[in-house]
Each structure stands twice: as structure tokens, then as C-alpha cells.
Amino acid sequence: MCLRVLESDGVRAKRAERNKKKELRSLAERISSYGHTVHQRYPTGDVVVSERDLAEQLRKRPDNVATALNLLLGEQKVQKTPLSGYWKLNA
């Protein structure tokens, strides 16, 4: 704790950025896990969720959920739907 008082603004900013990326990765994994769980429960259909409902389900801010979904989009684990704010989670 004593060292944090003495660290520079640059080091503090890097640590904050690292923590934010780690939290985003964790949220993305939780979203992916949620999609797998729902798909196992209902194997015949697609898992389509809204950003807002998913944020409430995971108790996270909607903008953080949207960022995590975009991260998963790059990994091809989700797809955007034609309806704005809704995503299809690939199982």
C-alpha cells in the first residue's frame, strides 16, 4: 500500500488499464459461459440476448457488457443480430 502512494501517474494509469482489461476478459468469459449454459438447457434454439438484459443478469454496466460483446465478436463467439442491441451467442 505504501508503494502506491509513491508511484508515478504513468505507472498508476498502466495498472488501471491492466485491471480494466482483466475485468473485461473476465466479463467476456462469463458471457460466453452464460451462453453455453443456456444452450445446454435449450439445445434446439439459438441464444439471443439483449445488452441491457445481459447487463442486469450479470450485474454489470451496459457499456461494459457491450465492450465485452465486441471483444467476443472479434473471437467469433458472438454475432450481431439485425435488431439493434441484441446479440446471438454461439454455443
PDB file of N, CA and C in Angstrom:
ATOM      1  N   MET A   1       0.823  -1.184   0.000  1.00  0.00           N
ATOM      2  CA  MET A   1       0.000   0.000   0.000  1.00  0.00           C
ATOM      3  C   MET A   1       0.868   1.248   0.000  1.00  0.00           C
ATOM      4  N   CYS A   2       1.946   1.196   0.714  1.00  0.00           N
ATOM      5  CA  CYS A   2       2.832   2.357   0.814  1.00  0.00           C
ATOM      6  C   CYS A   2       3.452   2.691  -0.539  1.00  0.00           C
ATOM      7  N   LEU A   3       3.715   1.693  -1.345  1.00  0.00           N
ATOM      8  CA  LEU A   3       4.333   1.922  -2.643  1.00  0.00           C
ATOM      9  C   LEU A   3       3.389   2.638  -3.607  1.00  0.00           C
ATOM     10  N   ARG A   4       2.103   2.412  -3.491  1.00  0.00           N
ATOM     11  CA  ARG A   4       1.141   3.049  -4.393  1.00  0.00           C
ATOM     12  C   ARG A   4       1.112   4.563  -4.218  1.00  0.00           C
ATOM     13  N   VAL A   5       1.408   5.035  -3.038  1.00  0.00           N
ATOM     14  CA  VAL A   5       1.447   6.473  -2.796  1.00  0.00           C
ATOM     15  C   VAL A   5       2.615   7.100  -3.541  1.00  0.00           C
ATOM     16  N   LEU A   6       3.693   6.359  -3.658  1.00  0.00           N
ATOM     17  CA  LEU A   6       4.906   6.880  -4.267  1.00  0.00           C
ATOM     18  C   LEU A   6       4.996   6.670  -5.775  1.00  0.00           C
ATOM     19  N   GLU A   7       4.112   5.869  -6.349  1.00  0.00           N
ATOM     20  CA  GLU A   7       4.230   5.578  -7.775  1.00  0.00           C
ATOM     21  C   GLU A   7       3.778   6.767  -8.626  1.00  0.00           C
ATOM     22  N   SER A   8       4.308   6.816  -9.825  1.00  0.00           N
ATOM     23  CA  SER A   8       4.018   7.939 -10.723  1.00  0.00           C
ATOM     24  C   SER A   8       2.640   7.770 -11.364  1.00  0.00           C
ATOM     25  N   ASP A   9       2.163   8.835 -11.989  1.00  0.00           N
ATOM     26  CA  ASP A   9       0.865   8.796 -12.659  1.00  0.00           C
ATOM     27  C   ASP A   9       0.872   7.807 -13.818  1.00  0.00           C
ATOM     28  N   GLY A  10       2.001   7.704 -14.515  1.00  0.00           N
ATOM     29  CA  GLY A  10       2.098   6.772 -15.639  1.00  0.00           C
ATOM     30  C   GLY A  10       1.952   5.333 -15.189  1.00  0.00           C
ATOM     31  N   VAL A  11       2.606   4.982 -14.100  1.00  0.00           N
ATOM     32  CA  VAL A  11       2.525   3.618 -13.571  1.00  0.00           C
ATOM     33  C   VAL A  11       1.103   3.348 -13.077  1.00  0.00           C
ATOM     34  N   ARG A  12       0.506   4.324 -12.438  1.00  0.00           N
ATOM     35  CA  ARG A  12      -0.862   4.187 -11.934  1.00  0.00           C
ATOM     36  C   ARG A  12      -1.833   3.985 -13.093  1.00  0.00           C
ATOM     37  N   ALA A  13      -1.646   4.729 -14.180  1.00  0.00           N
ATOM     38  CA  ALA A  13      -2.515   4.605 -15.350  1.00  0.00           C
ATOM     39  C   ALA A  13      -2.357   3.242 -16.010  1.00  0.00           C
ATOM     40  N   LYS A  14      -1.112   2.760 -16.095  1.00  0.00           N
ATOM     41  CA  LYS A  14      -0.882   1.436 -16.689  1.00  0.00           C
ATOM     42  C   LYS A  14      -1.541   0.340 -15.853  1.00  0.00           C
ATOM     43  N   ARG A  15      -1.444   0.454 -14.532  1.00  0.00           N
ATOM     44  CA  ARG A  15      -2.056  -0.544 -13.653  1.00  0.00           C
ATOM     45  C   ARG A  15      -3.567  -0.510 -13.799  1.00  0.00           C
ATOM     46  N   ALA A  16      -4.147   0.672 -13.874  1.00  0.00           N
ATOM     47  CA  ALA A  16      -5.598   0.798 -14.046  1.00  0.00           C
ATOM     48  C   ALA A  16      -6.042   0.200 -15.383  1.00  0.00           C
ATOM     49  N   GLU A  17      -5.264   0.453 -16.437  1.00  0.00           N
ATOM     50  CA  GLU A  17      -5.587  -0.098 -17.759  1.00  0.00           C
ATOM     51  C   GLU A  17      -5.488  -1.627 -17.753  1.00  0.00           C
ATOM     52  N   ARG A  18      -4.478  -2.158 -17.090  1.00  0.00           N
ATOM     53  CA  ARG A  18      -4.302  -3.604 -16.982  1.00  0.00           C
ATOM     54  C   ARG A  18      -5.479  -4.230 -16.235  1.00  0.00           C
ATOM     55  N   ASN A  19      -5.894  -3.600 -15.147  1.00  0.00           N
ATOM     56  CA  ASN A  19      -7.029  -4.110 -14.378  1.00  0.00           C
ATOM     57  C   ASN A  19      -8.321  -4.058 -15.189  1.00  0.00           C
ATOM     58  N   LYS A  20      -8.496  -2.994 -15.969  1.00  0.00           N
ATOM     59  CA  LYS A  20      -9.694  -2.871 -16.801  1.00  0.00           C
ATOM     60  C   LYS A  20      -9.733  -3.976 -17.857  1.00  0.00           C
ATOM     61  N   LYS A  21      -8.594  -4.249 -18.484  1.00  0.00           N
ATOM     62  CA  LYS A  21      -8.542  -5.320 -19.488  1.00  0.00           C
ATOM     63  C   LYS A  21      -8.828  -6.671 -18.851  1.00  0.00           C
ATOM     64  N   LYS A  22      -8.313  -6.882 -17.647  1.00  0.00           N
ATOM     65  CA  LYS A  22      -8.535  -8.143 -16.949  1.00  0.00           C
ATOM     66  C   LYS A  22     -10.020  -8.314 -16.604  1.00  0.00           C
ATOM     67  N   GLU A  23     -10.673  -7.243 -16.159  1.00  0.00           N
ATOM     68  CA  GLU A  23     -12.091  -7.293 -15.850  1.00  0.00           C
ATOM     69  C   GLU A  23     -12.924  -7.533 -17.107  1.00  0.00           C
ATOM     70  N   LEU A  24     -12.538  -6.907 -18.224  1.00  0.00           N
ATOM     71  CA  LEU A  24     -13.247  -7.113 -19.483  1.00  0.00           C
ATOM     72  C   LEU A  24     -13.133  -8.555 -19.956  1.00  0.00           C
ATOM     73  N   ARG A  25     -11.947  -9.117 -19.843  1.00  0.00           N
ATOM     74  CA  ARG A  25     -11.732 -10.507 -20.238  1.00  0.00           C
ATOM     75  C   ARG A  25     -12.576 -11.429 -19.366  1.00  0.00           C
ATOM     76  N   SER A  26     -12.620 -11.154 -18.069  1.00  0.00           N
ATOM     77  CA  SER A  26     -13.421 -11.947 -17.143  1.00  0.00           C
ATOM     78  C   SER A  26     -14.898 -11.855 -17.492  1.00  0.00           C
ATOM     79  N   LEU A  27     -15.372 -10.657 -17.804  1.00  0.00           N
ATOM     80  CA  LEU A  27     -16.770 -10.465 -18.192  1.00  0.00           C
ATOM     81  C   LEU A  27     -17.080 -11.198 -19.493  1.00  0.00           C
ATOM     82  N   ALA A  28     -16.167 -11.152 -20.445  1.00  0.00           N
ATOM     83  CA  ALA A  28     -16.362 -11.858 -21.713  1.00  0.00           C
ATOM     84  C   ALA A  28     -16.472 -13.363 -21.471  1.00  0.00           C
ATOM     85  N   GLU A  29     -15.658 -13.889 -20.579  1.00  0.00           N
ATOM     86  CA  GLU A  29     -15.723 -15.320 -20.261  1.00  0.00           C
ATOM     87  C   GLU A  29     -17.045 -15.671 -19.575  1.00  0.00           C
ATOM     88  N   ARG A  30     -17.528 -14.773 -18.713  1.00  0.00           N
ATOM     89  CA  ARG A  30     -18.813 -15.012 -18.052  1.00  0.00           C
ATOM     90  C   ARG A  30     -19.959 -15.008 -19.062  1.00  0.00           C
ATOM     91  N   ILE A  31     -19.893 -14.121 -20.043  1.00  0.00           N
ATOM     92  CA  ILE A  31     -20.923 -14.061 -21.087  1.00  0.00           C
ATOM     93  C   ILE A  31     -20.902 -15.340 -21.909  1.00  0.00           C
ATOM     94  N   SER A  32     -19.717 -15.772 -22.283  1.00  0.00           N
ATOM     95  CA  SER A  32     -19.583 -16.999 -23.063  1.00  0.00           C
ATOM     96  C   SER A  32     -20.099 -18.201 -22.273  1.00  0.00           C
ATOM     97  N   SER A  33     -19.761 -18.261 -21.000  1.00  0.00           N
ATOM     98  CA  SER A  33     -20.228 -19.345 -20.140  1.00  0.00           C
ATOM     99  C   SER A  33     -21.745 -19.318 -20.000  1.00  0.00           C
ATOM    100  N   TYR A  34     -22.312 -18.128 -19.877  1.00  0.00           N
ATOM    101  CA  TYR A  34     -23.769 -17.981 -19.798  1.00  0.00           C
ATOM    102  C   TYR A  34     -24.425 -18.516 -21.068  1.00  0.00           C
ATOM    103  N   GLY A  35     -23.846 -18.207 -22.218  1.00  0.00           N
ATOM    104  CA  GLY A  35     -24.379 -18.699 -23.488  1.00  0.00           C
ATOM    105  C   GLY A  35     -24.355 -20.209 -23.567  1.00  0.00           C
ATOM    106  N   HIS A  36     -23.261 -20.817 -23.111  1.00  0.00           N
ATOM    107  CA  HIS A  36     -23.164 -22.277 -23.122  1.00  0.00           C
ATOM    108  C   HIS A  36     -24.206 -22.902 -22.189  1.00  0.00           C
ATOM    109  N   THR A  37     -24.390 -22.302 -21.022  1.00  0.00           N
ATOM    110  CA  THR A  37     -25.351 -22.823 -20.055  1.00  0.00           C
ATOM    111  C   THR A  37     -26.767 -22.775 -20.607  1.00  0.00           C
ATOM    112  N   VAL A  38     -27.135 -21.659 -21.188  1.00  0.00           N
ATOM    113  CA  VAL A  38     -28.482 -21.519 -21.751  1.00  0.00           C
ATOM    114  C   VAL A  38     -28.663 -22.472 -22.923  1.00  0.00           C
ATOM    115  N   HIS A  39     -27.629 -22.624 -23.745  1.00  0.00           N
ATOM    116  CA  HIS A  39     -27.735 -23.525 -24.895  1.00  0.00           C
ATOM    117  C   HIS A  39     -27.876 -24.980 -24.446  1.00  0.00           C
ATOM    118  N   GLN A  40     -27.235 -25.350 -23.355  1.00  0.00           N
ATOM    119  CA  GLN A  40     -27.394 -26.712 -22.843  1.00  0.00           C
ATOM    120  C   GLN A  40     -28.807 -26.945 -22.335  1.00  0.00           C
ATOM    121  N   ARG A  41     -29.398 -25.898 -21.761  1.00  0.00           N
ATOM    122  CA  ARG A  41     -30.757 -26.007 -21.246  1.00  0.00           C
ATOM    123  C   ARG A  41     -31.773 -26.083 -22.379  1.00  0.00           C
ATOM    124  N   TYR A  42     -31.538 -25.327 -23.455  1.00  0.00           N
ATOM    125  CA  TYR A  42     -32.428 -25.287 -24.619  1.00  0.00           C
ATOM    126  C   TYR A  42     -31.610 -25.573 -25.871  1.00  0.00           C
ATOM    127  N   PRO A  43     -31.295 -26.835 -26.144  1.00  0.00           N
ATOM    128  CA  PRO A  43     -30.351 -27.164 -27.221  1.00  0.00           C
ATOM    129  C   PRO A  43     -30.858 -26.945 -28.640  1.00  0.00           C
ATOM    130  N   THR A  44     -32.156 -26.815 -28.848  1.00  0.00           N
ATOM    131  CA  THR A  44     -32.660 -26.714 -30.221  1.00  0.00           C
ATOM    132  C   THR A  44     -32.694 -25.298 -30.757  1.00  0.00           C
ATOM    133  N   GLY A  45     -32.587 -24.287 -29.904  1.00  0.00           N
ATOM    134  CA  GLY A  45     -32.706 -22.912 -30.364  1.00  0.00           C
ATOM    135  C   GLY A  45     -31.418 -22.126 -30.246  1.00  0.00           C
ATOM    136  N   ASP A  46     -31.435 -20.925 -30.819  1.00  0.00           N
ATOM    137  CA  ASP A  46     -30.309 -20.016 -30.699  1.00  0.00           C
ATOM    138  C   ASP A  46     -30.442 -19.220 -29.405  1.00  0.00           C
ATOM    139  N   VAL A  47     -29.304 -18.809 -28.863  1.00  0.00           N
ATOM    140  CA  VAL A  47     -29.288 -17.986 -27.655  1.00  0.00           C
ATOM    141  C   VAL A  47     -29.122 -16.541 -28.098  1.00  0.00           C
ATOM    142  N   VAL A  48     -30.193 -15.758 -27.989  1.00  0.00           N
ATOM    143  CA  VAL A  48     -30.172 -14.349 -28.369  1.00  0.00           C
ATOM    144  C   VAL A  48     -30.473 -13.537 -27.116  1.00  0.00           C
ATOM    145  N   VAL A  49     -29.602 -12.575 -26.827  1.00  0.00           N
ATOM    146  CA  VAL A  49     -29.758 -11.755 -25.625  1.00  0.00           C
ATOM    147  C   VAL A  49     -29.627 -10.281 -25.980  1.00  0.00           C
ATOM    148  N   SER A  50     -30.225  -9.437 -25.159  1.00  0.00           N
ATOM    149  CA  SER A  50     -30.040  -8.002 -25.329  1.00  0.00           C
ATOM    150  C   SER A  50     -28.923  -7.552 -24.392  1.00  0.00           C
ATOM    151  N   GLU A  51     -28.253  -6.494 -24.786  1.00  0.00           N
ATOM    152  CA  GLU A  51     -27.167  -5.964 -23.962  1.00  0.00           C
ATOM    153  C   GLU A  51     -27.690  -5.578 -22.582  1.00  0.00           C
ATOM    154  N   ARG A  52     -28.844  -4.943 -22.543  1.00  0.00           N
ATOM    155  CA  ARG A  52     -29.389  -4.467 -21.274  1.00  0.00           C
ATOM    156  C   ARG A  52     -29.776  -5.620 -20.354  1.00  0.00           C
ATOM    157  N   ASP A  53     -30.447  -6.636 -20.898  1.00  0.00           N
ATOM    158  CA  ASP A  53     -30.839  -7.792 -20.079  1.00  0.00           C
ATOM    159  C   ASP A  53     -29.617  -8.549 -19.580  1.00  0.00           C
ATOM    160  N   LEU A  54     -28.623  -8.675 -20.434  1.00  0.00           N
ATOM    161  CA  LEU A  54     -27.397  -9.363 -20.043  1.00  0.00           C
ATOM    162  C   LEU A  54     -26.673  -8.581 -18.954  1.00  0.00           C
ATOM    163  N   ALA A  55     -26.674  -7.267 -19.042  1.00  0.00           N
ATOM    164  CA  ALA A  55     -26.051  -6.426 -18.021  1.00  0.00           C
ATOM    165  C   ALA A  55     -26.754  -6.607 -16.676  1.00  0.00           C
ATOM    166  N   GLU A  56     -28.073  -6.665 -16.699  1.00  0.00           N
ATOM    167  CA  GLU A  56     -28.819  -6.893 -15.463  1.00  0.00           C
ATOM    168  C   GLU A  56     -28.554  -8.281 -14.909  1.00  0.00           C
ATOM    169  N   GLN A  57     -28.490  -9.274 -15.782  1.00  0.00           N
ATOM    170  CA  GLN A  57     -28.248 -10.657 -15.367  1.00  0.00           C
ATOM    171  C   GLN A  57     -26.879 -10.798 -14.700  1.00  0.00           C
ATOM    172  N   LEU A  58     -25.876 -10.147 -15.263  1.00  0.00           N
ATOM    173  CA  LEU A  58     -24.505 -10.262 -14.757  1.00  0.00           C
ATOM    174  C   LEU A  58     -24.141  -9.148 -13.773  1.00  0.00           C
ATOM    175  N   ARG A  59     -25.072  -8.228 -13.549  1.00  0.00           N
ATOM    176  CA  ARG A  59     -24.871  -7.096 -12.634  1.00  0.00           C
ATOM    177  C   ARG A  59     -23.662  -6.253 -13.022  1.00  0.00           C
ATOM    178  N   LYS A  60     -23.615  -5.917 -14.298  1.00  0.00           N
ATOM    179  CA  LYS A  60     -22.549  -5.068 -14.835  1.00  0.00           C
ATOM    180  C   LYS A  60     -23.181  -3.916 -15.599  1.00  0.00           C
ATOM    181  N   ARG A  61     -22.388  -2.894 -15.872  1.00  0.00           N
ATOM    182  CA  ARG A  61     -22.889  -1.742 -16.628  1.00  0.00           C
ATOM    183  C   ARG A  61     -23.088  -2.130 -18.092  1.00  0.00           C
ATOM    184  N   PRO A  62     -24.152  -1.625 -18.738  1.00  0.00           N
ATOM    185  CA  PRO A  62     -24.426  -1.985 -20.137  1.00  0.00           C
ATOM    186  C   PRO A  62     -23.283  -1.634 -21.093  1.00  0.00           C
ATOM    187  N   ASP A  63     -22.566  -0.541 -20.860  1.00  0.00           N
ATOM    188  CA  ASP A  63     -21.457  -0.200 -21.758  1.00  0.00           C
ATOM    189  C   ASP A  63     -20.304  -1.177 -21.602  1.00  0.00           C
ATOM    190  N   ASN A  64     -20.081  -1.698 -20.394  1.00  0.00           N
ATOM    191  CA  ASN A  64     -19.044  -2.717 -20.209  1.00  0.00           C
ATOM    192  C   ASN A  64     -19.437  -4.029 -20.881  1.00  0.00           C
ATOM    193  N   VAL A  65     -20.715  -4.365 -20.814  1.00  0.00           N
ATOM    194  CA  VAL A  65     -21.214  -5.581 -21.471  1.00  0.00           C
ATOM    195  C   VAL A  65     -21.060  -5.450 -22.982  1.00  0.00           C
ATOM    196  N   ALA A  66     -21.379  -4.272 -23.523  1.00  0.00           N
ATOM    197  CA  ALA A  66     -21.245  -4.050 -24.965  1.00  0.00           C
ATOM    198  C   ALA A  66     -19.782  -4.170 -25.396  1.00  0.00           C
ATOM    199  N   THR A  67     -18.875  -3.647 -24.599  1.00  0.00           N
ATOM    200  CA  THR A  67     -17.445  -3.748 -24.915  1.00  0.00           C
ATOM    201  C   THR A  67     -16.990  -5.202 -24.888  1.00  0.00           C
ATOM    202  N   ALA A  68     -17.442  -5.957 -23.887  1.00  0.00           N
ATOM    203  CA  ALA A  68     -17.082  -7.377 -23.793  1.00  0.00           C
ATOM    204  C   ALA A  68     -17.679  -8.160 -24.966  1.00  0.00           C
ATOM    205  N   LEU A  69     -18.894  -7.820 -25.378  1.00  0.00           N
ATOM    206  CA  LEU A  69     -19.504  -8.499 -26.528  1.00  0.00           C
ATOM    207  C   LEU A  69     -18.727  -8.198 -27.810  1.00  0.00           C
ATOM    208  N   ASN A  70     -18.251  -6.973 -27.954  1.00  0.00           N
ATOM    209  CA  ASN A  70     -17.430  -6.644 -29.120  1.00  0.00           C
ATOM    210  C   ASN A  70     -16.111  -7.395 -29.099  1.00  0.00           C
ATOM    211  N   LEU A  71     -15.570  -7.629 -27.908  1.00  0.00           N
ATOM    212  CA  LEU A  71     -14.362  -8.435 -27.767  1.00  0.00           C
ATOM    213  C   LEU A  71     -14.640  -9.867 -28.232  1.00  0.00           C
ATOM    214  N   LEU A  72     -15.781 -10.416 -27.823  1.00  0.00           N
ATOM    215  CA  LEU A  72     -16.170 -11.761 -28.249  1.00  0.00           C
ATOM    216  C   LEU A  72     -16.498 -11.815 -29.733  1.00  0.00           C
ATOM    217  N   LEU A  73     -16.969 -10.708 -30.291  1.00  0.00           N
ATOM    218  CA  LEU A  73     -17.252 -10.644 -31.725  1.00  0.00           C
ATOM    219  C   LEU A  73     -15.973 -10.846 -32.517  1.00  0.00           C
ATOM    220  N   GLY A  74     -14.887 -10.259 -32.053  1.00  0.00           N
ATOM    221  CA  GLY A  74     -13.590 -10.439 -32.712  1.00  0.00           C
ATOM    222  C   GLY A  74     -13.110 -11.879 -32.644  1.00  0.00           C
ATOM    223  N   GLU A  75     -13.520 -12.594 -31.624  1.00  0.00           N
ATOM    224  CA  GLU A  75     -13.160 -14.005 -31.462  1.00  0.00           C
ATOM    225  C   GLU A  75     -14.189 -14.934 -32.105  1.00  0.00           C
ATOM    226  N   GLN A  76     -15.200 -14.378 -32.736  1.00  0.00           N
ATOM    227  CA  GLN A  76     -16.285 -15.101 -33.403  1.00  0.00           C
ATOM    228  C   GLN A  76     -17.067 -16.003 -32.455  1.00  0.00           C
ATOM    229  N   LYS A  77     -17.224 -15.554 -31.206  1.00  0.00           N
ATOM    230  CA  LYS A  77     -18.016 -16.294 -30.234  1.00  0.00           C
ATOM    231  C   LYS A  77     -19.437 -15.738 -30.138  1.00  0.00           C
ATOM    232  N   VAL A  78     -19.659 -14.574 -30.747  1.00  0.00           N
ATOM    233  CA  VAL A  78     -20.993 -13.970 -30.806  1.00  0.00           C
ATOM    234  C   VAL A  78     -21.210 -13.393 -32.190  1.00  0.00           C
ATOM    235  N   GLN A  79     -22.469 -13.098 -32.491  1.00  0.00           N
ATOM    236  CA  GLN A  79     -22.823 -12.444 -33.751  1.00  0.00           C
ATOM    237  C   GLN A  79     -23.822 -11.339 -33.451  1.00  0.00           C
ATOM    238  N   LYS A  80     -23.751 -10.256 -34.206  1.00  0.00           N
ATOM    239  CA  LYS A  80     -24.749  -9.207 -34.075  1.00  0.00           C
ATOM    240  C   LYS A  80     -26.010  -9.659 -34.795  1.00  0.00           C
ATOM    241  N   THR A  81     -27.141  -9.274 -34.253  1.00  0.00           N
ATOM    242  CA  THR A  81     -28.404  -9.561 -34.916  1.00  0.00           C
ATOM    243  C   THR A  81     -28.869  -8.298 -35.632  1.00  0.00           C
ATOM    244  N   PRO A  82     -29.803  -8.430 -36.547  1.00  0.00           N
ATOM    245  CA  PRO A  82     -30.303  -7.240 -37.241  1.00  0.00           C
ATOM    246  C   PRO A  82     -30.964  -6.232 -36.293  1.00  0.00           C
ATOM    247  N   LEU A  83     -31.474  -6.707 -35.169  1.00  0.00           N
ATOM    248  CA  LEU A  83     -32.126  -5.844 -34.197  1.00  0.00           C
ATOM    249  C   LEU A  83     -31.061  -5.191 -33.316  1.00  0.00           C
ATOM    250  N   SER A  84     -31.064  -3.899 -33.249  1.00  0.00           N
ATOM    251  CA  SER A  84     -30.043  -3.154 -32.515  1.00  0.00           C
ATOM    252  C   SER A  84     -30.045  -3.508 -31.025  1.00  0.00           C
ATOM    253  N   GLY A  85     -28.842  -3.763 -30.492  1.00  0.00           N
ATOM    254  CA  GLY A  85     -28.703  -4.066 -29.071  1.00  0.00           C
ATOM    255  C   GLY A  85     -28.874  -5.530 -28.719  1.00  0.00           C
ATOM    256  N   TYR A  86     -29.093  -6.381 -29.722  1.00  0.00           N
ATOM    257  CA  TYR A  86     -29.269  -7.806 -29.475  1.00  0.00           C
ATOM    258  C   TYR A  86     -28.131  -8.589 -30.117  1.00  0.00           C
ATOM    259  N   TRP A  87     -27.730  -9.663 -29.452  1.00  0.00           N
ATOM    260  CA  TRP A  87     -26.600 -10.472 -29.888  1.00  0.00           C
ATOM    261  C   TRP A  87     -26.972 -11.945 -29.839  1.00  0.00           C
ATOM    262  N   LYS A  88     -26.423 -12.708 -30.784  1.00  0.00           N
ATOM    263  CA  LYS A  88     -26.582 -14.161 -30.779  1.00  0.00           C
ATOM    264  C   LYS A  88     -25.292 -14.736 -30.220  1.00  0.00           C
ATOM    265  N   LEU A  89     -25.419 -15.525 -29.153  1.00  0.00           N
ATOM    266  CA  LEU A  89     -24.257 -16.159 -28.539  1.00  0.00           C
ATOM    267  C   LEU A  89     -24.044 -17.515 -29.188  1.00  0.00           C
ATOM    268  N   ASN A  90     -22.877 -17.729 -29.763  1.00  0.00           N
ATOM    269  CA  ASN A  90     -22.581 -19.012 -30.399  1.00  0.00           C
ATOM    270  C   ASN A  90     -22.234 -20.030 -29.337  1.00  0.00           C
ATOM    271  N   ALA A  91     -22.823 -21.198 -29.457  1.00  0.00           N
ATOM    272  CA  ALA A  91     -22.580 -22.246 -28.468  1.00  0.00           C
ATOM    273  C   ALA A  91     -21.382 -23.096 -28.826  1.00  0.00           C
TER     274      ALA A  91
END
